[in-house]
Amino acid sequence: MLVLVMADEHNQRLAQETPNMDLKQHIRGIPDFPIEGILFYDIATLLRTPEAMKHCLDELETALRAWSPDVVAGIESRGFLFAVPLAQRLGLPMMMIRKEGKLPGPTRSLTYDLEYGTDTIEIQEDALESGQRVVILDDLLATGGTLSASVELCRQAGAEVVGCGLAIELTFLEGREAVDAPIFALVSYDS
């Protein structure tokens, strides 16, 4: 019991210390990664800062609760970093949206267009029940292709996608326009 009490006191202290934290201070830009001309928004620095990560999860939890989901879905792989703790906080199941060939057992798949070709994502056939309310989490929204395909794949399984939660949105790429679902992003970059 002492460990739980100490953890609760620690979480309360963190909440009091970070009510209006600027998460951009915990996300670094890496120029020319993965290719020249691209500025990569790295969340590794966010993950290494417990107060920033707690603030991020607190804000996402508030947004997700408002959508009253039945299931939390995470997009491979950085979406899992947010989906797992949030599913636990909400007392909900978590399901994975993965690249083709990564999930065991029968799967449902969707192939979609990218700027430079196509990609395929999958969910396990028994991951969703018809009518379940799903929220989808990922780390970053760029052009919207993967998030849009994830929404469509969940709908094809009979679920209702009630919202999408993101740590970062690159608004200048207009990815939100490609996604037919409500979106909540913690941080946005306009260039």
N, C-alpha and C. Protein backbone atom coordinates (compact mmCIF):
# COMPACT_ATOMS: atom_id res chain seq x y z
N MET A 1 0.82 -1.20 0.00
CA MET A 1 0.00 0.00 0.00
C MET A 1 0.85 1.26 0.00
N LEU A 2 1.97 1.23 0.69
CA LEU A 2 2.82 2.41 0.77
C LEU A 2 3.29 2.83 -0.62
N VAL A 3 3.63 1.87 -1.48
CA VAL A 3 4.08 2.19 -2.83
C VAL A 3 2.97 2.88 -3.62
N LEU A 4 1.74 2.39 -3.49
CA LEU A 4 0.62 3.02 -4.20
C LEU A 4 0.36 4.43 -3.71
N VAL A 5 0.42 4.62 -2.41
CA VAL A 5 0.21 5.96 -1.85
C VAL A 5 1.28 6.91 -2.36
N MET A 6 2.53 6.46 -2.34
CA MET A 6 3.62 7.31 -2.83
C MET A 6 3.44 7.63 -4.31
N ALA A 7 3.01 6.66 -5.11
CA ALA A 7 2.79 6.91 -6.54
C ALA A 7 1.68 7.92 -6.73
N ASP A 8 0.59 7.81 -5.97
CA ASP A 8 -0.50 8.77 -6.09
C ASP A 8 -0.04 10.17 -5.71
N GLU A 9 0.72 10.28 -4.63
CA GLU A 9 1.24 11.59 -4.22
C GLU A 9 2.16 12.17 -5.30
N HIS A 10 2.99 11.31 -5.90
CA HIS A 10 3.88 11.76 -6.97
C HIS A 10 3.07 12.27 -8.17
N ASN A 11 2.04 11.53 -8.58
CA ASN A 11 1.20 11.94 -9.71
C ASN A 11 0.47 13.24 -9.41
N GLN A 12 -0.01 13.42 -8.18
CA GLN A 12 -0.68 14.67 -7.82
C GLN A 12 0.31 15.84 -7.89
N ARG A 13 1.53 15.62 -7.42
CA ARG A 13 2.54 16.67 -7.46
C ARG A 13 2.86 17.05 -8.91
N LEU A 14 3.01 16.02 -9.78
CA LEU A 14 3.29 16.29 -11.19
C LEU A 14 2.16 17.09 -11.84
N ALA A 15 0.92 16.73 -11.52
CA ALA A 15 -0.23 17.43 -12.09
C ALA A 15 -0.23 18.90 -11.67
N GLN A 16 0.14 19.17 -10.41
CA GLN A 16 0.19 20.54 -9.93
C GLN A 16 1.33 21.32 -10.57
N GLU A 17 2.44 20.64 -10.88
CA GLU A 17 3.61 21.32 -11.43
C GLU A 17 3.50 21.59 -12.93
N THR A 18 2.64 20.87 -13.64
CA THR A 18 2.63 20.97 -15.10
C THR A 18 1.24 21.26 -15.68
N PRO A 19 0.48 22.19 -15.10
CA PRO A 19 -0.87 22.41 -15.62
C PRO A 19 -0.89 22.98 -17.03
N ASN A 20 0.08 23.79 -17.41
CA ASN A 20 0.10 24.42 -18.73
C ASN A 20 1.45 24.22 -19.41
N MET A 21 1.94 23.01 -19.40
CA MET A 21 3.25 22.71 -19.95
C MET A 21 3.27 22.93 -21.46
N ASP A 22 4.36 23.50 -21.95
CA ASP A 22 4.58 23.66 -23.39
C ASP A 22 5.31 22.43 -23.89
N LEU A 23 4.55 21.50 -24.48
CA LEU A 23 5.14 20.23 -24.93
C LEU A 23 6.15 20.43 -26.05
N LYS A 24 6.08 21.52 -26.78
CA LYS A 24 7.05 21.76 -27.86
C LYS A 24 8.47 21.85 -27.31
N GLN A 25 8.59 22.22 -26.06
CA GLN A 25 9.92 22.27 -25.44
C GLN A 25 10.51 20.88 -25.24
N HIS A 26 9.67 19.86 -25.38
CA HIS A 26 10.12 18.48 -25.16
C HIS A 26 10.11 17.65 -26.45
N ILE A 27 9.93 18.31 -27.58
CA ILE A 27 9.96 17.64 -28.89
C ILE A 27 11.06 18.33 -29.69
N ARG A 28 12.01 17.55 -30.15
CA ARG A 28 13.11 18.18 -30.88
C ARG A 28 12.97 17.93 -32.38
N GLY A 29 13.43 18.89 -33.14
CA GLY A 29 13.46 18.76 -34.59
C GLY A 29 14.82 18.26 -35.04
N ILE A 30 14.82 17.21 -35.86
CA ILE A 30 16.06 16.65 -36.39
C ILE A 30 16.06 16.92 -37.90
N PRO A 31 16.91 17.84 -38.37
CA PRO A 31 16.93 18.15 -39.80
C PRO A 31 17.51 17.00 -40.64
N ASP A 32 16.98 16.91 -41.86
CA ASP A 32 17.48 15.95 -42.86
C ASP A 32 17.38 14.49 -42.41
N PHE A 33 16.28 14.17 -41.70
CA PHE A 33 16.02 12.78 -41.32
C PHE A 33 14.56 12.46 -41.63
N PRO A 34 14.26 11.36 -42.26
CA PRO A 34 15.14 10.28 -42.71
C PRO A 34 15.85 10.57 -44.03
N ILE A 35 15.45 11.63 -44.71
CA ILE A 35 16.13 12.03 -45.94
C ILE A 35 16.36 13.54 -45.92
N GLU A 36 17.25 13.99 -46.77
CA GLU A 36 17.57 15.40 -46.85
C GLU A 36 16.32 16.22 -47.17
N GLY A 37 16.18 17.35 -46.47
CA GLY A 37 15.06 18.25 -46.69
C GLY A 37 13.88 18.02 -45.76
N ILE A 38 13.90 16.93 -45.00
CA ILE A 38 12.82 16.62 -44.06
C ILE A 38 13.25 17.03 -42.66
N LEU A 39 12.34 17.70 -41.93
CA LEU A 39 12.57 18.00 -40.52
C LEU A 39 11.74 16.99 -39.73
N PHE A 40 12.42 16.10 -39.01
CA PHE A 40 11.77 15.03 -38.26
C PHE A 40 11.47 15.54 -36.86
N TYR A 41 10.21 15.39 -36.42
CA TYR A 41 9.82 15.77 -35.07
C TYR A 41 9.96 14.55 -34.17
N ASP A 42 10.97 14.58 -33.31
CA ASP A 42 11.38 13.44 -32.50
C ASP A 42 10.72 13.50 -31.13
N ILE A 43 9.92 12.44 -30.79
CA ILE A 43 9.27 12.39 -29.49
C ILE A 43 10.11 11.65 -28.45
N ALA A 44 11.30 11.18 -28.82
CA ALA A 44 12.16 10.48 -27.85
C ALA A 44 12.44 11.37 -26.65
N THR A 45 12.61 12.66 -26.87
CA THR A 45 12.88 13.59 -25.78
C THR A 45 11.64 13.76 -24.89
N LEU A 46 10.48 13.67 -25.46
CA LEU A 46 9.23 13.71 -24.69
C LEU A 46 9.13 12.47 -23.80
N LEU A 47 9.45 11.32 -24.37
CA LEU A 47 9.38 10.05 -23.63
C LEU A 47 10.37 10.01 -22.48
N ARG A 48 11.48 10.73 -22.61
CA ARG A 48 12.51 10.72 -21.56
C ARG A 48 12.22 11.71 -20.43
N THR A 49 11.15 12.45 -20.55
CA THR A 49 10.80 13.44 -19.53
C THR A 49 9.49 13.04 -18.89
N PRO A 50 9.53 12.39 -17.72
CA PRO A 50 8.31 11.87 -17.11
C PRO A 50 7.20 12.91 -16.93
N GLU A 51 7.56 14.13 -16.54
CA GLU A 51 6.54 15.16 -16.34
C GLU A 51 5.86 15.52 -17.66
N ALA A 52 6.62 15.59 -18.73
CA ALA A 52 6.06 15.92 -20.04
C ALA A 52 5.18 14.79 -20.55
N MET A 53 5.63 13.56 -20.38
CA MET A 53 4.84 12.43 -20.84
C MET A 53 3.55 12.31 -20.04
N LYS A 54 3.61 12.55 -18.74
CA LYS A 54 2.41 12.51 -17.92
C LYS A 54 1.43 13.58 -18.37
N HIS A 55 1.94 14.77 -18.63
CA HIS A 55 1.08 15.86 -19.10
C HIS A 55 0.42 15.47 -20.43
N CYS A 56 1.19 14.90 -21.32
CA CYS A 56 0.69 14.45 -22.62
C CYS A 56 -0.43 13.43 -22.42
N LEU A 57 -0.21 12.44 -21.59
CA LEU A 57 -1.22 11.40 -21.35
C LEU A 57 -2.45 11.98 -20.65
N ASP A 58 -2.25 12.91 -19.72
CA ASP A 58 -3.40 13.54 -19.05
C ASP A 58 -4.29 14.27 -20.05
N GLU A 59 -3.67 15.03 -20.94
CA GLU A 59 -4.43 15.80 -21.93
C GLU A 59 -5.16 14.87 -22.92
N LEU A 60 -4.46 13.84 -23.37
CA LEU A 60 -5.10 12.89 -24.28
C LEU A 60 -6.23 12.14 -23.59
N GLU A 61 -6.02 11.78 -22.33
CA GLU A 61 -7.07 11.07 -21.58
C GLU A 61 -8.34 11.91 -21.49
N THR A 62 -8.19 13.19 -21.22
CA THR A 62 -9.36 14.08 -21.14
C THR A 62 -10.11 14.10 -22.47
N ALA A 63 -9.37 14.21 -23.57
CA ALA A 63 -10.00 14.23 -24.89
C ALA A 63 -10.70 12.91 -25.19
N LEU A 64 -10.04 11.80 -24.88
CA LEU A 64 -10.62 10.48 -25.18
C LEU A 64 -11.86 10.21 -24.35
N ARG A 65 -11.84 10.58 -23.08
CA ARG A 65 -13.02 10.35 -22.23
C ARG A 65 -14.25 11.04 -22.81
N ALA A 66 -14.07 12.21 -23.39
CA ALA A 66 -15.20 12.95 -23.96
C ALA A 66 -15.85 12.18 -25.11
N TRP A 67 -15.11 11.31 -25.77
CA TRP A 67 -15.65 10.52 -26.89
C TRP A 67 -16.30 9.22 -26.43
N SER A 68 -16.18 8.86 -25.17
CA SER A 68 -16.77 7.63 -24.60
C SER A 68 -16.46 6.38 -25.44
N PRO A 69 -15.19 6.07 -25.63
CA PRO A 69 -14.84 4.90 -26.45
C PRO A 69 -15.05 3.58 -25.71
N ASP A 70 -15.14 2.52 -26.50
CA ASP A 70 -15.16 1.15 -25.98
C ASP A 70 -13.80 0.48 -26.16
N VAL A 71 -13.02 0.95 -27.14
CA VAL A 71 -11.74 0.35 -27.50
C VAL A 71 -10.76 1.47 -27.85
N VAL A 72 -9.50 1.29 -27.46
CA VAL A 72 -8.42 2.20 -27.85
C VAL A 72 -7.55 1.46 -28.86
N ALA A 73 -7.33 2.06 -30.01
CA ALA A 73 -6.48 1.47 -31.05
C ALA A 73 -5.21 2.29 -31.19
N GLY A 74 -4.10 1.61 -31.37
CA GLY A 74 -2.82 2.28 -31.58
C GLY A 74 -2.24 1.88 -32.92
N ILE A 75 -1.72 2.87 -33.65
CA ILE A 75 -1.08 2.63 -34.94
C ILE A 75 0.39 2.33 -34.71
N GLU A 76 0.88 1.27 -35.35
CA GLU A 76 2.28 0.85 -35.24
C GLU A 76 3.23 1.98 -35.61
N SER A 77 4.26 2.15 -34.94
CA SER A 77 4.59 1.61 -33.64
C SER A 77 4.50 2.68 -32.55
N ARG A 78 4.74 3.92 -32.92
CA ARG A 78 4.74 4.96 -31.88
C ARG A 78 3.35 5.23 -31.32
N GLY A 79 2.31 4.91 -32.06
CA GLY A 79 0.96 5.03 -31.52
C GLY A 79 0.73 4.13 -30.32
N PHE A 80 1.46 3.01 -30.28
CA PHE A 80 1.35 2.08 -29.15
C PHE A 80 1.80 2.75 -27.85
N LEU A 81 2.79 3.66 -27.94
CA LEU A 81 3.32 4.32 -26.76
C LEU A 81 2.27 5.13 -26.03
N PHE A 82 1.26 5.59 -26.76
CA PHE A 82 0.17 6.36 -26.17
C PHE A 82 -1.05 5.48 -25.90
N ALA A 83 -1.31 4.54 -26.79
CA ALA A 83 -2.52 3.71 -26.69
C ALA A 83 -2.49 2.79 -25.46
N VAL A 84 -1.37 2.16 -25.18
CA VAL A 84 -1.32 1.22 -24.06
C VAL A 84 -1.61 1.92 -22.72
N PRO A 85 -0.87 2.98 -22.35
CA PRO A 85 -1.17 3.59 -21.05
C PRO A 85 -2.55 4.22 -20.99
N LEU A 86 -3.03 4.75 -22.11
CA LEU A 86 -4.35 5.37 -22.09
C LEU A 86 -5.45 4.32 -21.99
N ALA A 87 -5.29 3.19 -22.64
CA ALA A 87 -6.27 2.11 -22.50
C ALA A 87 -6.32 1.66 -21.04
N GLN A 88 -5.15 1.54 -20.41
CA GLN A 88 -5.12 1.14 -19.01
C GLN A 88 -5.79 2.19 -18.12
N ARG A 89 -5.50 3.45 -18.35
CA ARG A 89 -6.12 4.52 -17.56
C ARG A 89 -7.64 4.51 -17.70
N LEU A 90 -8.13 4.22 -18.91
CA LEU A 90 -9.56 4.24 -19.18
C LEU A 90 -10.24 2.91 -18.87
N GLY A 91 -9.44 1.88 -18.55
CA GLY A 91 -10.00 0.56 -18.28
C GLY A 91 -10.61 -0.08 -19.51
N LEU A 92 -9.97 0.15 -20.67
CA LEU A 92 -10.49 -0.34 -21.94
C LEU A 92 -9.49 -1.29 -22.61
N PRO A 93 -9.99 -2.14 -23.52
CA PRO A 93 -9.07 -2.95 -24.31
C PRO A 93 -8.29 -2.09 -25.30
N MET A 94 -7.09 -2.55 -25.64
CA MET A 94 -6.27 -1.87 -26.64
C MET A 94 -6.06 -2.83 -27.80
N MET A 95 -6.21 -2.34 -29.00
CA MET A 95 -5.96 -3.16 -30.19
C MET A 95 -4.88 -2.50 -31.04
N MET A 96 -4.18 -3.33 -31.80
CA MET A 96 -3.06 -2.85 -32.61
C MET A 96 -3.45 -2.77 -34.08
N ILE A 97 -3.03 -1.68 -34.71
CA ILE A 97 -3.10 -1.52 -36.16
C ILE A 97 -1.66 -1.61 -36.64
N ARG A 98 -1.36 -2.68 -37.41
CA ARG A 98 0.03 -2.95 -37.76
C ARG A 98 0.23 -3.06 -39.26
N LYS A 99 1.48 -3.01 -39.65
CA LYS A 99 1.85 -3.25 -41.05
C LYS A 99 1.54 -4.69 -41.40
N GLU A 100 1.34 -4.94 -42.67
CA GLU A 100 1.00 -6.26 -43.18
C GLU A 100 1.99 -7.32 -42.73
N GLY A 101 1.45 -8.46 -42.30
CA GLY A 101 2.27 -9.60 -41.94
C GLY A 101 2.81 -9.61 -40.52
N LYS A 102 2.43 -8.66 -39.69
CA LYS A 102 2.97 -8.56 -38.33
C LYS A 102 2.05 -9.14 -37.27
N LEU A 103 0.78 -9.42 -37.61
CA LEU A 103 -0.17 -9.92 -36.63
C LEU A 103 -0.46 -11.40 -36.88
N PRO A 104 -0.49 -12.20 -35.83
CA PRO A 104 -0.81 -13.61 -35.99
C PRO A 104 -2.31 -13.83 -36.15
N GLY A 105 -2.67 -14.97 -36.69
CA GLY A 105 -4.07 -15.34 -36.83
C GLY A 105 -4.74 -14.63 -37.99
N PRO A 106 -6.05 -14.87 -38.13
CA PRO A 106 -6.80 -14.22 -39.23
C PRO A 106 -6.80 -12.70 -39.06
N THR A 107 -6.60 -11.99 -40.15
CA THR A 107 -6.56 -10.53 -40.11
C THR A 107 -7.47 -9.94 -41.17
N ARG A 108 -7.79 -8.69 -40.97
CA ARG A 108 -8.50 -7.86 -41.94
C ARG A 108 -7.50 -6.81 -42.39
N SER A 109 -7.37 -6.57 -43.70
CA SER A 109 -6.34 -5.65 -44.18
C SER A 109 -6.93 -4.59 -45.11
N LEU A 110 -6.17 -3.54 -45.27
CA LEU A 110 -6.53 -2.45 -46.18
C LEU A 110 -5.25 -1.91 -46.80
N THR A 111 -5.23 -1.84 -48.12
CA THR A 111 -4.11 -1.24 -48.86
C THR A 111 -4.50 0.17 -49.24
N TYR A 112 -3.58 1.10 -49.06
CA TYR A 112 -3.89 2.51 -49.34
C TYR A 112 -2.70 3.16 -50.04
N ASP A 113 -2.98 4.29 -50.68
CA ASP A 113 -1.96 5.02 -51.44
C ASP A 113 -1.16 5.95 -50.54
N LEU A 114 0.12 6.01 -50.83
CA LEU A 114 1.03 6.96 -50.22
C LEU A 114 1.54 7.91 -51.30
N GLU A 115 2.30 8.91 -50.89
CA GLU A 115 2.87 9.83 -51.87
C GLU A 115 3.80 9.10 -52.83
N TYR A 116 4.39 8.01 -52.38
CA TYR A 116 5.44 7.33 -53.14
C TYR A 116 5.12 5.87 -53.43
N GLY A 117 3.87 5.43 -53.28
CA GLY A 117 3.52 4.04 -53.55
C GLY A 117 2.29 3.64 -52.77
N THR A 118 2.29 2.42 -52.25
CA THR A 118 1.16 1.93 -51.45
C THR A 118 1.71 1.27 -50.18
N ASP A 119 0.82 1.09 -49.22
CA ASP A 119 1.14 0.38 -48.00
C ASP A 119 -0.10 -0.39 -47.58
N THR A 120 0.08 -1.36 -46.70
CA THR A 120 -1.04 -2.16 -46.22
C THR A 120 -0.97 -2.23 -44.70
N ILE A 121 -2.13 -2.01 -44.07
CA ILE A 121 -2.24 -2.16 -42.62
C ILE A 121 -3.24 -3.27 -42.32
N GLU A 122 -3.12 -3.81 -41.10
CA GLU A 122 -4.00 -4.91 -40.71
C GLU A 122 -4.43 -4.78 -39.26
N ILE A 123 -5.57 -5.39 -38.96
CA ILE A 123 -6.01 -5.62 -37.59
C ILE A 123 -6.40 -7.09 -37.50
N GLN A 124 -6.37 -7.64 -36.32
CA GLN A 124 -6.82 -9.02 -36.15
C GLN A 124 -8.33 -9.07 -36.36
N GLU A 125 -8.78 -10.14 -36.98
CA GLU A 125 -10.18 -10.29 -37.34
C GLU A 125 -11.10 -10.15 -36.14
N ASP A 126 -10.66 -10.60 -34.98
CA ASP A 126 -11.51 -10.56 -33.79
C ASP A 126 -11.22 -9.36 -32.88
N ALA A 127 -10.52 -8.35 -33.37
CA ALA A 127 -10.12 -7.20 -32.55
C ALA A 127 -11.29 -6.28 -32.23
N LEU A 128 -12.27 -6.22 -33.10
CA LEU A 128 -13.40 -5.31 -32.93
C LEU A 128 -14.71 -6.05 -33.11
N GLU A 129 -15.72 -5.58 -32.40
CA GLU A 129 -17.07 -6.07 -32.58
C GLU A 129 -17.88 -4.98 -33.25
N SER A 130 -18.85 -5.38 -34.01
CA SER A 130 -19.70 -4.42 -34.70
C SER A 130 -20.34 -3.46 -33.70
N GLY A 131 -20.28 -2.17 -33.99
CA GLY A 131 -20.88 -1.16 -33.14
C GLY A 131 -19.99 -0.60 -32.06
N GLN A 132 -18.83 -1.19 -31.84
CA GLN A 132 -17.94 -0.65 -30.81
C GLN A 132 -17.44 0.73 -31.21
N ARG A 133 -17.28 1.58 -30.20
CA ARG A 133 -16.77 2.94 -30.38
C ARG A 133 -15.25 2.91 -30.19
N VAL A 134 -14.52 3.33 -31.21
CA VAL A 134 -13.06 3.24 -31.21
C VAL A 134 -12.44 4.62 -31.28
N VAL A 135 -11.36 4.81 -30.51
CA VAL A 135 -10.48 5.96 -30.70
C VAL A 135 -9.15 5.42 -31.21
N ILE A 136 -8.55 6.14 -32.13
CA ILE A 136 -7.28 5.73 -32.74
C ILE A 136 -6.20 6.71 -32.32
N LEU A 137 -5.06 6.18 -31.87
CA LEU A 137 -3.95 7.02 -31.41
C LEU A 137 -2.71 6.80 -32.25
N ASP A 138 -2.02 7.91 -32.50
CA ASP A 138 -0.72 7.86 -33.16
C ASP A 138 0.11 9.02 -32.64
N ASP A 139 1.39 9.01 -32.98
CA ASP A 139 2.26 10.08 -32.50
C ASP A 139 2.14 11.34 -33.34
N LEU A 140 1.93 11.18 -34.66
CA LEU A 140 2.04 12.34 -35.55
C LEU A 140 1.10 12.21 -36.74
N LEU A 141 0.47 13.32 -37.09
CA LEU A 141 -0.35 13.40 -38.30
C LEU A 141 0.39 14.28 -39.31
N ALA A 142 0.75 13.68 -40.44
CA ALA A 142 1.41 14.43 -41.52
C ALA A 142 0.41 14.58 -42.67
N THR A 143 0.48 13.72 -43.66
CA THR A 143 -0.42 13.83 -44.82
C THR A 143 -1.76 13.14 -44.59
N GLY A 144 -1.84 12.31 -43.56
CA GLY A 144 -3.12 11.70 -43.19
C GLY A 144 -3.39 10.34 -43.80
N GLY A 145 -2.51 9.82 -44.63
CA GLY A 145 -2.76 8.56 -45.31
C GLY A 145 -2.95 7.38 -44.37
N THR A 146 -2.04 7.19 -43.45
CA THR A 146 -2.13 6.05 -42.55
C THR A 146 -3.30 6.19 -41.58
N LEU A 147 -3.52 7.38 -41.05
CA LEU A 147 -4.63 7.58 -40.12
C LEU A 147 -5.97 7.40 -40.83
N SER A 148 -6.09 7.93 -42.02
CA SER A 148 -7.33 7.77 -42.81
C SER A 148 -7.60 6.30 -43.10
N ALA A 149 -6.56 5.57 -43.48
CA ALA A 149 -6.72 4.13 -43.75
C ALA A 149 -7.10 3.38 -42.48
N SER A 150 -6.55 3.78 -41.35
CA SER A 150 -6.87 3.14 -40.07
C SER A 150 -8.34 3.35 -39.71
N VAL A 151 -8.83 4.55 -39.94
CA VAL A 151 -10.25 4.85 -39.71
C VAL A 151 -11.11 3.95 -40.59
N GLU A 152 -10.77 3.87 -41.87
CA GLU A 152 -11.54 3.06 -42.81
C GLU A 152 -11.50 1.58 -42.45
N LEU A 153 -10.34 1.08 -42.05
CA LEU A 153 -10.21 -0.33 -41.68
C LEU A 153 -11.09 -0.67 -40.47
N CYS A 154 -11.10 0.19 -39.47
CA CYS A 154 -11.96 -0.03 -38.30
C CYS A 154 -13.43 0.01 -38.69
N ARG A 155 -13.79 0.91 -39.57
CA ARG A 155 -15.18 0.98 -40.03
C ARG A 155 -15.57 -0.26 -40.82
N GLN A 156 -14.66 -0.77 -41.62
CA GLN A 156 -14.95 -2.00 -42.36
C GLN A 156 -15.20 -3.17 -41.42
N ALA A 157 -14.62 -3.11 -40.22
CA ALA A 157 -14.84 -4.16 -39.22
C ALA A 157 -16.15 -3.93 -38.46
N GLY A 158 -16.88 -2.87 -38.78
CA GLY A 158 -18.16 -2.59 -38.16
C GLY A 158 -18.11 -1.64 -36.98
N ALA A 159 -16.95 -1.09 -36.67
CA ALA A 159 -16.80 -0.18 -35.54
C ALA A 159 -17.14 1.24 -35.94
N GLU A 160 -17.42 2.04 -34.94
CA GLU A 160 -17.62 3.48 -35.12
C GLU A 160 -16.38 4.20 -34.61
N VAL A 161 -15.69 4.90 -35.47
CA VAL A 161 -14.51 5.64 -35.04
C VAL A 161 -14.99 6.99 -34.52
N VAL A 162 -14.87 7.19 -33.21
CA VAL A 162 -15.41 8.40 -32.58
C VAL A 162 -14.37 9.51 -32.46
N GLY A 163 -13.09 9.19 -32.69
CA GLY A 163 -12.07 10.22 -32.63
C GLY A 163 -10.68 9.67 -32.81
N CYS A 164 -9.75 10.59 -33.06
CA CYS A 164 -8.34 10.25 -33.24
C CYS A 164 -7.52 11.20 -32.37
N GLY A 165 -6.61 10.64 -31.59
CA GLY A 165 -5.75 11.44 -30.72
C GLY A 165 -4.31 11.36 -31.17
N LEU A 166 -3.66 12.52 -31.18
CA LEU A 166 -2.29 12.62 -31.69
C LEU A 166 -1.45 13.48 -30.76
N ALA A 167 -0.18 13.18 -30.70
CA ALA A 167 0.73 14.06 -29.98
C ALA A 167 1.04 15.29 -30.82
N ILE A 168 1.30 15.09 -32.13
CA ILE A 168 1.75 16.16 -33.01
C ILE A 168 0.93 16.17 -34.30
N GLU A 169 0.58 17.38 -34.75
CA GLU A 169 -0.04 17.54 -36.06
C GLU A 169 0.78 18.55 -36.87
N LEU A 170 1.17 18.15 -38.08
CA LEU A 170 1.85 19.07 -39.00
C LEU A 170 0.76 19.70 -39.86
N THR A 171 0.21 20.82 -39.39
CA THR A 171 -0.96 21.42 -40.03
C THR A 171 -0.68 21.87 -41.46
N PHE A 172 0.55 22.22 -41.76
CA PHE A 172 0.90 22.71 -43.10
C PHE A 172 0.77 21.62 -44.15
N LEU A 173 0.72 20.35 -43.76
CA LEU A 173 0.55 19.25 -44.71
C LEU A 173 -0.93 18.89 -44.93
N GLU A 174 -1.82 19.52 -44.15
CA GLU A 174 -3.27 19.39 -44.31
C GLU A 174 -3.77 17.95 -44.23
N GLY A 175 -3.12 17.12 -43.40
CA GLY A 175 -3.53 15.74 -43.24
C GLY A 175 -4.90 15.58 -42.64
N ARG A 176 -5.32 16.53 -41.84
CA ARG A 176 -6.64 16.51 -41.21
C ARG A 176 -7.75 16.41 -42.26
N GLU A 177 -7.51 17.04 -43.41
CA GLU A 177 -8.50 17.03 -44.49
C GLU A 177 -8.74 15.62 -45.04
N ALA A 178 -7.77 14.74 -44.90
CA ALA A 178 -7.89 13.38 -45.44
C ALA A 178 -8.58 12.43 -44.47
N VAL A 179 -8.77 12.86 -43.23
CA VAL A 179 -9.28 11.96 -42.18
C VAL A 179 -10.74 12.30 -41.89
N ASP A 180 -11.60 11.32 -42.06
CA ASP A 180 -13.03 11.49 -41.84
C ASP A 180 -13.40 11.08 -40.42
N ALA A 181 -12.86 11.79 -39.45
CA ALA A 181 -13.15 11.54 -38.03
C ALA A 181 -12.66 12.75 -37.24
N PRO A 182 -13.23 12.98 -36.06
CA PRO A 182 -12.74 14.07 -35.21
C PRO A 182 -11.29 13.83 -34.81
N ILE A 183 -10.53 14.91 -34.72
CA ILE A 183 -9.10 14.82 -34.39
C ILE A 183 -8.78 15.75 -33.23
N PHE A 184 -7.99 15.23 -32.28
CA PHE A 184 -7.45 16.04 -31.20
C PHE A 184 -5.94 15.89 -31.24
N ALA A 185 -5.22 17.00 -31.38
CA ALA A 185 -3.76 16.99 -31.38
C ALA A 185 -3.25 17.88 -30.25
N LEU A 186 -2.26 17.41 -29.53
CA LEU A 186 -1.68 18.17 -28.43
C LEU A 186 -0.88 19.36 -28.91
N VAL A 187 -0.11 19.17 -29.97
CA VAL A 187 0.82 20.17 -30.47
C VAL A 187 0.67 20.26 -31.98
N SER A 188 0.71 21.48 -32.50
CA SER A 188 0.69 21.61 -33.97
C SER A 188 1.85 22.49 -34.41
N TYR A 189 2.36 22.13 -35.58
CA TYR A 189 3.42 22.90 -36.22
C TYR A 189 2.88 23.40 -37.55
N ASP A 190 3.05 24.70 -37.79
CA ASP A 190 2.52 25.32 -39.01
C ASP A 190 3.51 25.38 -40.15
N SER A 191 4.73 24.93 -39.92
CA SER A 191 5.73 24.90 -41.01
C SER A 191 6.80 23.89 -40.69
